[in-house]
Amino acid sequence: MNDTPPRREKVRSGYEGKLELGVADDRLRRALSRLARDKDPAARTAGVRIAGEAATLLHRLAADAEEASSATKAQRERMRAHLRRAEEKLRETYARRGLQPPELRLSGALDGPEKADDGGPKP
């Protein structure tokens, strides 16, 4: 007698974009972890600052996700530009340390699944 439940072939739980969000979260976490383990205190300080800025901006973007007004869209674009600058600072920090930066697109995490490419298989 086989009491094993049938295997699920498709994702039935969660939400749209969950996989893409998880991939972007992992990439950001790895990049910041590298900076946190850097021997140079300036790199660690930069990592803390970048993490704080990214968290603040992502929180604001998530709060605005329900709104669809043109003012919200303009604010979102300003935040994306700010996030791109934070991403560039992160890349510059890696370059100064002589490290190879991971494939990281903070601004891509804000795009829809059709724009954010994690390089992995699509569901």
PDB file of N, CA and C in Angstrom:
ATOM      1  N   MET A   1       0.843  -1.183   0.000  1.00  0.00           N
ATOM      2  CA  MET A   1       0.000   0.000   0.000  1.00  0.00           C
ATOM      3  C   MET A   1       0.891   1.251   0.000  1.00  0.00           C
ATOM      4  N   ASN A   2       0.620   2.160  -0.905  1.00  0.00           N
ATOM      5  CA  ASN A   2       1.428   3.366  -1.064  1.00  0.00           C
ATOM      6  C   ASN A   2       0.669   4.555  -0.485  1.00  0.00           C
ATOM      7  N   ASP A   3       1.177   5.099   0.639  1.00  0.00           N
ATOM      8  CA  ASP A   3       0.532   6.243   1.291  1.00  0.00           C
ATOM      9  C   ASP A   3       1.176   7.566   0.902  1.00  0.00           C
ATOM     10  N   THR A   4       2.085   7.531  -0.044  1.00  0.00           N
ATOM     11  CA  THR A   4       2.770   8.745  -0.472  1.00  0.00           C
ATOM     12  C   THR A   4       1.817   9.615  -1.287  1.00  0.00           C
ATOM     13  N   PRO A   5       1.736  10.908  -0.944  1.00  0.00           N
ATOM     14  CA  PRO A   5       0.857  11.784  -1.734  1.00  0.00           C
ATOM     15  C   PRO A   5       1.385  11.930  -3.156  1.00  0.00           C
ATOM     16  N   PRO A   6       0.516  12.231  -4.095  1.00  0.00           N
ATOM     17  CA  PRO A   6       0.978  12.393  -5.479  1.00  0.00           C
ATOM     18  C   PRO A   6       1.948  13.566  -5.591  1.00  0.00           C
ATOM     19  N   ARG A   7       2.896  13.421  -6.480  1.00  0.00           N
ATOM     20  CA  ARG A   7       3.889  14.468  -6.696  1.00  0.00           C
ATOM     21  C   ARG A   7       3.253  15.634  -7.442  1.00  0.00           C
ATOM     22  N   ARG A   8       3.545  16.842  -6.973  1.00  0.00           N
ATOM     23  CA  ARG A   8       3.010  18.036  -7.624  1.00  0.00           C
ATOM     24  C   ARG A   8       3.889  18.396  -8.802  1.00  0.00           C
ATOM     25  N   GLU A   9       3.280  18.604  -9.926  1.00  0.00           N
ATOM     26  CA  GLU A   9       4.022  18.917 -11.147  1.00  0.00           C
ATOM     27  C   GLU A   9       4.246  20.414 -11.320  1.00  0.00           C
ATOM     28  N   LYS A  10       3.382  21.228 -10.782  1.00  0.00           N
ATOM     29  CA  LYS A  10       3.488  22.677 -10.932  1.00  0.00           C
ATOM     30  C   LYS A  10       3.429  23.330  -9.559  1.00  0.00           C
ATOM     31  N   VAL A  11       3.929  24.560  -9.504  1.00  0.00           N
ATOM     32  CA  VAL A  11       3.862  25.306  -8.259  1.00  0.00           C
ATOM     33  C   VAL A  11       2.415  25.723  -8.022  1.00  0.00           C
ATOM     34  N   ARG A  12       1.908  25.394  -6.858  1.00  0.00           N
ATOM     35  CA  ARG A  12       0.513  25.724  -6.553  1.00  0.00           C
ATOM     36  C   ARG A  12       0.385  26.693  -5.385  1.00  0.00           C
ATOM     37  N   SER A  13       1.467  26.990  -4.745  1.00  0.00           N
ATOM     38  CA  SER A  13       1.385  27.890  -3.607  1.00  0.00           C
ATOM     39  C   SER A  13       2.325  29.068  -3.828  1.00  0.00           C
ATOM     40  N   GLY A  14       2.193  30.046  -2.985  1.00  0.00           N
ATOM     41  CA  GLY A  14       3.045  31.218  -3.106  1.00  0.00           C
ATOM     42  C   GLY A  14       2.361  32.328  -3.872  1.00  0.00           C
ATOM     43  N   TYR A  15       3.132  33.087  -4.584  1.00  0.00           N
ATOM     44  CA  TYR A  15       2.620  34.247  -5.297  1.00  0.00           C
ATOM     45  C   TYR A  15       3.434  34.444  -6.562  1.00  0.00           C
ATOM     46  N   GLU A  16       2.902  35.227  -7.457  1.00  0.00           N
ATOM     47  CA  GLU A  16       3.589  35.489  -8.719  1.00  0.00           C
ATOM     48  C   GLU A  16       4.879  36.257  -8.450  1.00  0.00           C
ATOM     49  N   GLY A  17       5.954  35.798  -9.020  1.00  0.00           N
ATOM     50  CA  GLY A  17       7.243  36.452  -8.841  1.00  0.00           C
ATOM     51  C   GLY A  17       8.022  35.967  -7.629  1.00  0.00           C
ATOM     52  N   LYS A  18       7.501  34.965  -6.916  1.00  0.00           N
ATOM     53  CA  LYS A  18       8.162  34.482  -5.704  1.00  0.00           C
ATOM     54  C   LYS A  18       9.560  33.945  -6.005  1.00  0.00           C
ATOM     55  N   LEU A  19       9.689  33.178  -7.067  1.00  0.00           N
ATOM     56  CA  LEU A  19      10.987  32.609  -7.437  1.00  0.00           C
ATOM     57  C   LEU A  19      11.984  33.713  -7.779  1.00  0.00           C
ATOM     58  N   GLU A  20      11.558  34.681  -8.579  1.00  0.00           N
ATOM     59  CA  GLU A  20      12.444  35.775  -8.972  1.00  0.00           C
ATOM     60  C   GLU A  20      12.873  36.593  -7.762  1.00  0.00           C
ATOM     61  N   LEU A  21      11.933  36.831  -6.843  1.00  0.00           N
ATOM     62  CA  LEU A  21      12.258  37.579  -5.632  1.00  0.00           C
ATOM     63  C   LEU A  21      13.270  36.808  -4.790  1.00  0.00           C
ATOM     64  N   GLY A  22      13.096  35.511  -4.688  1.00  0.00           N
ATOM     65  CA  GLY A  22      14.038  34.691  -3.931  1.00  0.00           C
ATOM     66  C   GLY A  22      15.436  34.724  -4.516  1.00  0.00           C
ATOM     67  N   VAL A  23      15.524  34.667  -5.835  1.00  0.00           N
ATOM     68  CA  VAL A  23      16.830  34.707  -6.507  1.00  0.00           C
ATOM     69  C   VAL A  23      17.501  36.063  -6.273  1.00  0.00           C
ATOM     70  N   ALA A  24      16.749  37.139  -6.434  1.00  0.00           N
ATOM     71  CA  ALA A  24      17.312  38.478  -6.218  1.00  0.00           C
ATOM     72  C   ALA A  24      17.742  38.646  -4.762  1.00  0.00           C
ATOM     73  N   ASP A  25      16.938  38.130  -3.835  1.00  0.00           N
ATOM     74  CA  ASP A  25      17.267  38.206  -2.414  1.00  0.00           C
ATOM     75  C   ASP A  25      18.562  37.454  -2.123  1.00  0.00           C
ATOM     76  N   ASP A  26      18.716  36.272  -2.695  1.00  0.00           N
ATOM     77  CA  ASP A  26      19.943  35.497  -2.494  1.00  0.00           C
ATOM     78  C   ASP A  26      21.162  36.228  -3.036  1.00  0.00           C
ATOM     79  N   ARG A  27      21.034  36.825  -4.200  1.00  0.00           N
ATOM     80  CA  ARG A  27      22.164  37.555  -4.795  1.00  0.00           C
ATOM     81  C   ARG A  27      22.577  38.736  -3.922  1.00  0.00           C
ATOM     82  N   LEU A  28      21.598  39.485  -3.460  1.00  0.00           N
ATOM     83  CA  LEU A  28      21.890  40.631  -2.600  1.00  0.00           C
ATOM     84  C   LEU A  28      22.524  40.166  -1.296  1.00  0.00           C
ATOM     85  N   ARG A  29      21.989  39.122  -0.723  1.00  0.00           N
ATOM     86  CA  ARG A  29      22.512  38.589   0.536  1.00  0.00           C
ATOM     87  C   ARG A  29      23.971  38.130   0.370  1.00  0.00           C
ATOM     88  N   ARG A  30      24.281  37.451  -0.736  1.00  0.00           N
ATOM     89  CA  ARG A  30      25.656  36.994  -0.977  1.00  0.00           C
ATOM     90  C   ARG A  30      26.611  38.177  -1.143  1.00  0.00           C
ATOM     91  N   ALA A  31      26.182  39.183  -1.891  1.00  0.00           N
ATOM     92  CA  ALA A  31      27.049  40.347  -2.117  1.00  0.00           C
ATOM     93  C   ALA A  31      27.337  41.076  -0.809  1.00  0.00           C
ATOM     94  N   LEU A  32      26.317  41.263   0.005  1.00  0.00           N
ATOM     95  CA  LEU A  32      26.512  41.964   1.272  1.00  0.00           C
ATOM     96  C   LEU A  32      27.299  41.105   2.262  1.00  0.00           C
ATOM     97  N   SER A  33      27.131  39.803   2.201  1.00  0.00           N
ATOM     98  CA  SER A  33      27.903  38.911   3.075  1.00  0.00           C
ATOM     99  C   SER A  33      29.385  38.972   2.743  1.00  0.00           C
ATOM    100  N   ARG A  34      29.696  39.066   1.454  1.00  0.00           N
ATOM    101  CA  ARG A  34      31.099  39.202   1.055  1.00  0.00           C
ATOM    102  C   ARG A  34      31.708  40.459   1.646  1.00  0.00           C
ATOM    103  N   LEU A  35      30.972  41.558   1.564  1.00  0.00           N
ATOM    104  CA  LEU A  35      31.483  42.809   2.135  1.00  0.00           C
ATOM    105  C   LEU A  35      31.601  42.703   3.651  1.00  0.00           C
ATOM    106  N   ALA A  36      30.664  42.028   4.290  1.00  0.00           N
ATOM    107  CA  ALA A  36      30.698  41.896   5.747  1.00  0.00           C
ATOM    108  C   ALA A  36      31.927  41.111   6.209  1.00  0.00           C
ATOM    109  N   ARG A  37      32.420  40.205   5.382  1.00  0.00           N
ATOM    110  CA  ARG A  37      33.586  39.396   5.741  1.00  0.00           C
ATOM    111  C   ARG A  37      34.899  40.003   5.252  1.00  0.00           C
ATOM    112  N   ASP A  38      34.843  41.138   4.578  1.00  0.00           N
ATOM    113  CA  ASP A  38      36.056  41.763   4.050  1.00  0.00           C
ATOM    114  C   ASP A  38      36.968  42.191   5.203  1.00  0.00           C
ATOM    115  N   LYS A  39      38.268  42.080   4.979  1.00  0.00           N
ATOM    116  CA  LYS A  39      39.242  42.454   6.010  1.00  0.00           C
ATOM    117  C   LYS A  39      39.293  43.958   6.230  1.00  0.00           C
ATOM    118  N   ASP A  40      38.953  44.714   5.216  1.00  0.00           N
ATOM    119  CA  ASP A  40      39.025  46.174   5.287  1.00  0.00           C
ATOM    120  C   ASP A  40      37.785  46.725   5.996  1.00  0.00           C
ATOM    121  N   PRO A  41      37.965  47.467   7.089  1.00  0.00           N
ATOM    122  CA  PRO A  41      36.814  48.029   7.798  1.00  0.00           C
ATOM    123  C   PRO A  41      35.988  48.993   6.935  1.00  0.00           C
ATOM    124  N   ALA A  42      36.649  49.674   5.996  1.00  0.00           N
ATOM    125  CA  ALA A  42      35.910  50.599   5.125  1.00  0.00           C
ATOM    126  C   ALA A  42      34.933  49.837   4.238  1.00  0.00           C
ATOM    127  N   ALA A  43      35.330  48.665   3.777  1.00  0.00           N
ATOM    128  CA  ALA A  43      34.432  47.851   2.948  1.00  0.00           C
ATOM    129  C   ALA A  43      33.249  47.364   3.773  1.00  0.00           C
ATOM    130  N   ARG A  44      33.514  46.967   5.010  1.00  0.00           N
ATOM    131  CA  ARG A  44      32.412  46.523   5.880  1.00  0.00           C
ATOM    132  C   ARG A  44      31.457  47.673   6.165  1.00  0.00           C
ATOM    133  N   THR A  45      32.012  48.855   6.406  1.00  0.00           N
ATOM    134  CA  THR A  45      31.171  50.027   6.655  1.00  0.00           C
ATOM    135  C   THR A  45      30.341  50.365   5.425  1.00  0.00           C
ATOM    136  N   ALA A  46      30.948  50.296   4.252  1.00  0.00           N
ATOM    137  CA  ALA A  46      30.211  50.558   3.009  1.00  0.00           C
ATOM    138  C   ALA A  46      29.098  49.538   2.831  1.00  0.00           C
ATOM    139  N   GLY A  47      29.364  48.286   3.150  1.00  0.00           N
ATOM    140  CA  GLY A  47      28.336  47.250   3.049  1.00  0.00           C
ATOM    141  C   GLY A  47      27.157  47.524   3.957  1.00  0.00           C
ATOM    142  N   VAL A  48      27.428  47.966   5.169  1.00  0.00           N
ATOM    143  CA  VAL A  48      26.349  48.294   6.110  1.00  0.00           C
ATOM    144  C   VAL A  48      25.520  49.455   5.575  1.00  0.00           C
ATOM    145  N   ARG A  49      26.197  50.474   5.063  1.00  0.00           N
ATOM    146  CA  ARG A  49      25.488  51.642   4.535  1.00  0.00           C
ATOM    147  C   ARG A  49      24.637  51.267   3.321  1.00  0.00           C
ATOM    148  N   ILE A  50      25.225  50.497   2.405  1.00  0.00           N
ATOM    149  CA  ILE A  50      24.491  50.081   1.205  1.00  0.00           C
ATOM    150  C   ILE A  50      23.301  49.213   1.585  1.00  0.00           C
ATOM    151  N   ALA A  51      23.489  48.302   2.537  1.00  0.00           N
ATOM    152  CA  ALA A  51      22.381  47.440   2.971  1.00  0.00           C
ATOM    153  C   ALA A  51      21.251  48.267   3.567  1.00  0.00           C
ATOM    154  N   GLY A  52      21.601  49.256   4.365  1.00  0.00           N
ATOM    155  CA  GLY A  52      20.579  50.115   4.960  1.00  0.00           C
ATOM    156  C   GLY A  52      19.813  50.909   3.917  1.00  0.00           C
ATOM    157  N   GLU A  53      20.544  51.470   2.953  1.00  0.00           N
ATOM    158  CA  GLU A  53      19.889  52.232   1.887  1.00  0.00           C
ATOM    159  C   GLU A  53      18.975  51.343   1.055  1.00  0.00           C
ATOM    160  N   ALA A  54      19.466  50.168   0.710  1.00  0.00           N
ATOM    161  CA  ALA A  54      18.663  49.247  -0.102  1.00  0.00           C
ATOM    162  C   ALA A  54      17.409  48.816   0.649  1.00  0.00           C
ATOM    163  N   ALA A  55      17.543  48.510   1.936  1.00  0.00           N
ATOM    164  CA  ALA A  55      16.384  48.089   2.725  1.00  0.00           C
ATOM    165  C   ALA A  55      15.348  49.204   2.816  1.00  0.00           C
ATOM    166  N   THR A  56      15.799  50.422   3.039  1.00  0.00           N
ATOM    167  CA  THR A  56      14.878  51.554   3.124  1.00  0.00           C
ATOM    168  C   THR A  56      14.145  51.762   1.805  1.00  0.00           C
ATOM    169  N   LEU A  57      14.885  51.746   0.719  1.00  0.00           N
ATOM    170  CA  LEU A  57      14.267  51.958  -0.586  1.00  0.00           C
ATOM    171  C   LEU A  57      13.310  50.833  -0.952  1.00  0.00           C
ATOM    172  N   LEU A  58      13.692  49.602  -0.694  1.00  0.00           N
ATOM    173  CA  LEU A  58      12.811  48.481  -1.015  1.00  0.00           C
ATOM    174  C   LEU A  58      11.546  48.509  -0.167  1.00  0.00           C
ATOM    175  N   HIS A  59      11.661  48.931   1.074  1.00  0.00           N
ATOM    176  CA  HIS A  59      10.477  49.061   1.924  1.00  0.00           C
ATOM    177  C   HIS A  59       9.524  50.111   1.355  1.00  0.00           C
ATOM    178  N   ARG A  60      10.068  51.231   0.943  1.00  0.00           N
ATOM    179  CA  ARG A  60       9.228  52.284   0.348  1.00  0.00           C
ATOM    180  C   ARG A  60       8.565  51.801  -0.938  1.00  0.00           C
ATOM    181  N   LEU A  61       9.323  51.098  -1.768  1.00  0.00           N
ATOM    182  CA  LEU A  61       8.758  50.586  -3.020  1.00  0.00           C
ATOM    183  C   LEU A  61       7.656  49.572  -2.752  1.00  0.00           C
ATOM    184  N   ALA A  62       7.851  48.717  -1.765  1.00  0.00           N
ATOM    185  CA  ALA A  62       6.821  47.730  -1.436  1.00  0.00           C
ATOM    186  C   ALA A  62       5.560  48.420  -0.927  1.00  0.00           C
ATOM    187  N   ALA A  63       5.718  49.481  -0.152  1.00  0.00           N
ATOM    188  CA  ALA A  63       4.559  50.213   0.352  1.00  0.00           C
ATOM    189  C   ALA A  63       3.806  50.901  -0.778  1.00  0.00           C
ATOM    190  N   ASP A  64       4.513  51.300  -1.816  1.00  0.00           N
ATOM    191  CA  ASP A  64       3.887  51.987  -2.947  1.00  0.00           C
ATOM    192  C   ASP A  64       3.343  51.039  -4.009  1.00  0.00           C
ATOM    193  N   ALA A  65       3.597  49.752  -3.862  1.00  0.00           N
ATOM    194  CA  ALA A  65       3.221  48.793  -4.908  1.00  0.00           C
ATOM    195  C   ALA A  65       1.718  48.774  -5.171  1.00  0.00           C
ATOM    196  N   GLU A  66       0.913  49.076  -4.172  1.00  0.00           N
ATOM    197  CA  GLU A  66      -0.537  49.033  -4.344  1.00  0.00           C
ATOM    198  C   GLU A  66      -1.079  50.261  -5.070  1.00  0.00           C
ATOM    199  N   GLU A  67      -0.307  51.301  -5.077  1.00  0.00           N
ATOM    200  CA  GLU A  67      -0.762  52.528  -5.724  1.00  0.00           C
ATOM    201  C   GLU A  67      -0.355  52.524  -7.195  1.00  0.00           C
ATOM    202  N   ALA A  68      -1.168  53.096  -8.023  1.00  0.00           N
ATOM    203  CA  ALA A  68      -0.856  53.124  -9.457  1.00  0.00           C
ATOM    204  C   ALA A  68      -0.892  54.539 -10.022  1.00  0.00           C
ATOM    205  N   SER A  69      -0.826  55.529  -9.179  1.00  0.00           N
ATOM    206  CA  SER A  69      -0.898  56.902  -9.667  1.00  0.00           C
ATOM    207  C   SER A  69       0.398  57.286 -10.374  1.00  0.00           C
ATOM    208  N   SER A  70       0.326  58.317 -11.199  1.00  0.00           N
ATOM    209  CA  SER A  70       1.527  58.761 -11.915  1.00  0.00           C
ATOM    210  C   SER A  70       2.564  59.317 -10.940  1.00  0.00           C
ATOM    211  N   ALA A  71       2.116  59.899  -9.821  1.00  0.00           N
ATOM    212  CA  ALA A  71       3.062  60.401  -8.822  1.00  0.00           C
ATOM    213  C   ALA A  71       3.855  59.242  -8.218  1.00  0.00           C
ATOM    214  N   THR A  72       3.169  58.131  -7.962  1.00  0.00           N
ATOM    215  CA  THR A  72       3.848  56.953  -7.425  1.00  0.00           C
ATOM    216  C   THR A  72       4.817  56.386  -8.444  1.00  0.00           C
ATOM    217  N   LYS A  73       4.409  56.365  -9.702  1.00  0.00           N
ATOM    218  CA  LYS A  73       5.297  55.859 -10.751  1.00  0.00           C
ATOM    219  C   LYS A  73       6.555  56.716 -10.852  1.00  0.00           C
ATOM    220  N   ALA A  74       6.401  58.025 -10.760  1.00  0.00           N
ATOM    221  CA  ALA A  74       7.560  58.921 -10.825  1.00  0.00           C
ATOM    222  C   ALA A  74       8.473  58.703  -9.619  1.00  0.00           C
ATOM    223  N   GLN A  75       7.869  58.543  -8.444  1.00  0.00           N
ATOM    224  CA  GLN A  75       8.657  58.295  -7.244  1.00  0.00           C
ATOM    225  C   GLN A  75       9.406  56.963  -7.363  1.00  0.00           C
ATOM    226  N   ARG A  76       8.754  55.968  -7.909  1.00  0.00           N
ATOM    227  CA  ARG A  76       9.374  54.657  -8.100  1.00  0.00           C
ATOM    228  C   ARG A  76      10.579  54.766  -9.037  1.00  0.00           C
ATOM    229  N   GLU A  77      10.448  55.554 -10.086  1.00  0.00           N
ATOM    230  CA  GLU A  77      11.576  55.739 -11.006  1.00  0.00           C
ATOM    231  C   GLU A  77      12.743  56.441 -10.310  1.00  0.00           C
ATOM    232  N   ARG A  78      12.435  57.421  -9.456  1.00  0.00           N
ATOM    233  CA  ARG A  78      13.503  58.090  -8.699  1.00  0.00           C
ATOM    234  C   ARG A  78      14.201  57.094  -7.773  1.00  0.00           C
ATOM    235  N   MET A  79      13.417  56.228  -7.146  1.00  0.00           N
ATOM    236  CA  MET A  79      14.002  55.231  -6.250  1.00  0.00           C
ATOM    237  C   MET A  79      14.836  54.213  -7.024  1.00  0.00           C
ATOM    238  N   ARG A  80      14.364  53.831  -8.197  1.00  0.00           N
ATOM    239  CA  ARG A  80      15.144  52.904  -9.031  1.00  0.00           C
ATOM    240  C   ARG A  80      16.491  53.531  -9.389  1.00  0.00           C
ATOM    241  N   ALA A  81      16.468  54.828  -9.711  1.00  0.00           N
ATOM    242  CA  ALA A  81      17.718  55.516 -10.034  1.00  0.00           C
ATOM    243  C   ALA A  81      18.643  55.519  -8.815  1.00  0.00           C
ATOM    244  N   HIS A  82      18.069  55.760  -7.644  1.00  0.00           N
ATOM    245  CA  HIS A  82      18.862  55.754  -6.412  1.00  0.00           C
ATOM    246  C   HIS A  82      19.417  54.350  -6.145  1.00  0.00           C
ATOM    247  N   LEU A  83      18.612  53.341  -6.382  1.00  0.00           N
ATOM    248  CA  LEU A  83      19.043  51.963  -6.190  1.00  0.00           C
ATOM    249  C   LEU A  83      20.153  51.594  -7.172  1.00  0.00           C
ATOM    250  N   ARG A  84      20.046  52.094  -8.406  1.00  0.00           N
ATOM    251  CA  ARG A  84      21.112  51.850  -9.383  1.00  0.00           C
ATOM    252  C   ARG A  84      22.424  52.491  -8.922  1.00  0.00           C
ATOM    253  N   ARG A  85      22.323  53.686  -8.296  1.00  0.00           N
ATOM    254  CA  ARG A  85      23.532  54.327  -7.770  1.00  0.00           C
ATOM    255  C   ARG A  85      24.129  53.486  -6.631  1.00  0.00           C
ATOM    256  N   ALA A  86      23.268  52.938  -5.769  1.00  0.00           N
ATOM    257  CA  ALA A  86      23.751  52.076  -4.687  1.00  0.00           C
ATOM    258  C   ALA A  86      24.413  50.828  -5.255  1.00  0.00           C
ATOM    259  N   GLU A  87      23.831  50.297  -6.316  1.00  0.00           N
ATOM    260  CA  GLU A  87      24.408  49.129  -6.991  1.00  0.00           C
ATOM    261  C   GLU A  87      25.788  49.472  -7.554  1.00  0.00           C
ATOM    262  N   GLU A  88      25.922  50.642  -8.144  1.00  0.00           N
ATOM    263  CA  GLU A  88      27.206  51.068  -8.702  1.00  0.00           C
ATOM    264  C   GLU A  88      28.243  51.246  -7.587  1.00  0.00           C
ATOM    265  N   LYS A  89      27.827  51.801  -6.443  1.00  0.00           N
ATOM    266  CA  LYS A  89      28.748  51.944  -5.312  1.00  0.00           C
ATOM    267  C   LYS A  89      29.236  50.574  -4.853  1.00  0.00           C
ATOM    268  N   LEU A  90      28.329  49.612  -4.833  1.00  0.00           N
ATOM    269  CA  LEU A  90      28.698  48.257  -4.437  1.00  0.00           C
ATOM    270  C   LEU A  90      29.723  47.681  -5.411  1.00  0.00           C
ATOM    271  N   ARG A  91      29.490  47.878  -6.703  1.00  0.00           N
ATOM    272  CA  ARG A  91      30.443  47.389  -7.711  1.00  0.00           C
ATOM    273  C   ARG A  91      31.800  48.090  -7.576  1.00  0.00           C
ATOM    274  N   GLU A  92      31.784  49.403  -7.311  1.00  0.00           N
ATOM    275  CA  GLU A  92      33.041  50.142  -7.141  1.00  0.00           C
ATOM    276  C   GLU A  92      33.811  49.634  -5.931  1.00  0.00           C
ATOM    277  N   THR A  93      33.090  49.319  -4.858  1.00  0.00           N
ATOM    278  CA  THR A  93      33.740  48.786  -3.662  1.00  0.00           C
ATOM    279  C   THR A  93      34.418  47.465  -3.976  1.00  0.00           C
ATOM    280  N   TYR A  94      33.728  46.614  -4.719  1.00  0.00           N
ATOM    281  CA  TYR A  94      34.339  45.346  -5.129  1.00  0.00           C
ATOM    282  C   TYR A  94      35.578  45.602  -5.984  1.00  0.00           C
ATOM    283  N   ALA A  95      35.490  46.542  -6.912  1.00  0.00           N
ATOM    284  CA  ALA A  95      36.616  46.833  -7.802  1.00  0.00           C
ATOM    285  C   ALA A  95      37.821  47.339  -7.011  1.00  0.00           C
ATOM    286  N   ARG A  96      37.582  48.215  -6.031  1.00  0.00           N
ATOM    287  CA  ARG A  96      38.684  48.731  -5.211  1.00  0.00           C
ATOM    288  C   ARG A  96      39.356  47.616  -4.420  1.00  0.00           C
ATOM    289  N   ARG A  97      38.602  46.613  -4.046  1.00  0.00           N
ATOM    290  CA  ARG A  97      39.148  45.492  -3.270  1.00  0.00           C
ATOM    291  C   ARG A  97      39.760  44.423  -4.178  1.00  0.00           C
ATOM    292  N   GLY A  98      39.620  44.608  -5.482  1.00  0.00           N
ATOM    293  CA  GLY A  98      40.151  43.625  -6.420  1.00  0.00           C
ATOM    294  C   GLY A  98      39.339  42.343  -6.449  1.00  0.00           C
ATOM    295  N   LEU A  99      38.064  42.433  -6.077  1.00  0.00           N
ATOM    296  CA  LEU A  99      37.192  41.259  -6.053  1.00  0.00           C
ATOM    297  C   LEU A  99      36.305  41.241  -7.283  1.00  0.00           C
ATOM    298  N   GLN A 100      35.922  40.069  -7.682  1.00  0.00           N
ATOM    299  CA  GLN A 100      34.974  39.915  -8.787  1.00  0.00           C
ATOM    300  C   GLN A 100      33.565  40.040  -8.203  1.00  0.00           C
ATOM    301  N   PRO A 101      32.806  41.049  -8.611  1.00  0.00           N
ATOM    302  CA  PRO A 101      31.456  41.190  -8.053  1.00  0.00           C
ATOM    303  C   PRO A 101      30.550  40.071  -8.554  1.00  0.00           C
ATOM    304  N   PRO A 102      29.601  39.638  -7.724  1.00  0.00           N
ATOM    305  CA  PRO A 102      28.642  38.640  -8.190  1.00  0.00           C
ATOM    306  C   PRO A 102      27.702  39.281  -9.196  1.00  0.00           C
ATOM    307  N   GLU A 103      26.995  38.451  -9.932  1.00  0.00           N
ATOM    308  CA  GLU A 103      25.982  38.976 -10.844  1.00  0.00           C
ATOM    309  C   GLU A 103      24.882  39.565  -9.978  1.00  0.00           C
ATOM    310  N   LEU A 104      24.829  40.882  -9.933  1.00  0.00           N
ATOM    311  CA  LEU A 104      23.896  41.554  -9.044  1.00  0.00           C
ATOM    312  C   LEU A 104      23.226  42.687  -9.782  1.00  0.00           C
ATOM    313  N   ARG A 105      21.914  42.676  -9.772  1.00  0.00           N
ATOM    314  CA  ARG A 105      21.138  43.783 -10.320  1.00  0.00           C
ATOM    315  C   ARG A 105      20.062  44.114  -9.312  1.00  0.00           C
ATOM    316  N   LEU A 106      20.382  45.027  -8.395  1.00  0.00           N
ATOM    317  CA  LEU A 106      19.385  45.429  -7.410  1.00  0.00           C
ATOM    318  C   LEU A 106      18.177  46.025  -8.095  1.00  0.00           C
ATOM    319  N   SER A 107      18.435  46.844  -9.104  1.00  0.00           N
ATOM    320  CA  SER A 107      17.325  47.481  -9.801  1.00  0.00           C
ATOM    321  C   SER A 107      16.491  46.454 -10.545  1.00  0.00           C
ATOM    322  N   GLY A 108      17.073  45.337 -10.956  1.00  0.00           N
ATOM    323  CA  GLY A 108      16.330  44.287 -11.643  1.00  0.00           C
ATOM    324  C   GLY A 108      15.341  43.591 -10.731  1.00  0.00           C
ATOM    325  N   ALA A 109      15.594  43.621  -9.433  1.00  0.00           N
ATOM    326  CA  ALA A 109      14.665  43.001  -8.491  1.00  0.00           C
ATOM    327  C   ALA A 109      13.339  43.746  -8.464  1.00  0.00           C
ATOM    328  N   LEU A 110      13.353  44.976  -8.920  1.00  0.00           N
ATOM    329  CA  LEU A 110      12.135  45.773  -8.915  1.00  0.00           C
ATOM    330  C   LEU A 110      11.326  45.598 -10.181  1.00  0.00           C
ATOM    331  N   ASP A 111      11.936  45.022 -11.206  1.00  0.00           N
ATOM    332  CA  ASP A 111      11.242  44.812 -12.466  1.00  0.00           C
ATOM    333  C   ASP A 111      10.351  43.586 -12.360  1.00  0.00           C
ATOM    334  N   GLY A 112       9.475  43.459 -13.298  1.00  0.00           N
ATOM    335  CA  GLY A 112       8.627  42.277 -13.343  1.00  0.00           C
ATOM    336  C   GLY A 112       9.427  41.060 -13.752  1.00  0.00           C
ATOM    337  N   PRO A 113       8.823  39.868 -13.669  1.00  0.00           N
ATOM    338  CA  PRO A 113       9.548  38.648 -13.999  1.00  0.00           C
ATOM    339  C   PRO A 113      10.038  38.605 -15.441  1.00  0.00           C
ATOM    340  N   GLU A 114       9.390  39.339 -16.335  1.00  0.00           N
ATOM    341  CA  GLU A 114       9.837  39.335 -17.721  1.00  0.00           C
ATOM    342  C   GLU A 114      11.104  40.156 -17.910  1.00  0.00           C
ATOM    343  N   LYS A 115      11.411  41.066 -16.971  1.00  0.00           N
ATOM    344  CA  LYS A 115      12.608  41.893 -17.094  1.00  0.00           C
ATOM    345  C   LYS A 115      13.751  41.373 -16.235  1.00  0.00           C
ATOM    346  N   ALA A 116      13.449  40.816 -15.066  1.00  0.00           N
ATOM    347  CA  ALA A 116      14.482  40.324 -14.164  1.00  0.00           C
ATOM    348  C   ALA A 116      14.846  38.906 -14.564  1.00  0.00           C
ATOM    349  N   ASP A 117      16.044  38.737 -15.103  1.00  0.00           N
ATOM    350  CA  ASP A 117      16.488  37.427 -15.554  1.00  0.00           C
ATOM    351  C   ASP A 117      17.469  36.871 -14.545  1.00  0.00           C
ATOM    352  N   ASP A 118      17.098  35.769 -13.906  1.00  0.00           N
ATOM    353  CA  ASP A 118      17.970  35.165 -12.916  1.00  0.00           C
ATOM    354  C   ASP A 118      18.909  34.146 -13.538  1.00  0.00           C
ATOM    355  N   GLY A 119      18.773  33.875 -14.834  1.00  0.00           N
ATOM    356  CA  GLY A 119      19.646  32.945 -15.505  1.00  0.00           C
ATOM    357  C   GLY A 119      19.275  31.495 -15.289  1.00  0.00           C
ATOM    358  N   GLY A 120      18.287  31.239 -14.469  1.00  0.00           N
ATOM    359  CA  GLY A 120      17.881  29.865 -14.178  1.00  0.00           C
ATOM    360  C   GLY A 120      16.664  29.470 -14.978  1.00  0.00           C
ATOM    361  N   PRO A 121      16.205  28.248 -14.759  1.00  0.00           N
ATOM    362  CA  PRO A 121      15.027  27.775 -15.495  1.00  0.00           C
ATOM    363  C   PRO A 121      13.774  28.521 -15.073  1.00  0.00           C
ATOM    364  N   LYS A 122      12.898  28.709 -15.992  1.00  0.00           N
ATOM    365  CA  LYS A 122      11.639  29.398 -15.719  1.00  0.00           C
ATOM    366  C   LYS A 122      10.564  28.364 -15.410  1.00  0.00           C
ATOM    367  N   PRO A 123       9.690  28.653 -14.447  1.00  0.00           N
ATOM    368  CA  PRO A 123       8.630  27.693 -14.105  1.00  0.00           C
ATOM    369  C   PRO A 123       7.610  27.560 -15.214  1.00  0.00           C
TER     370      PRO A 123
END
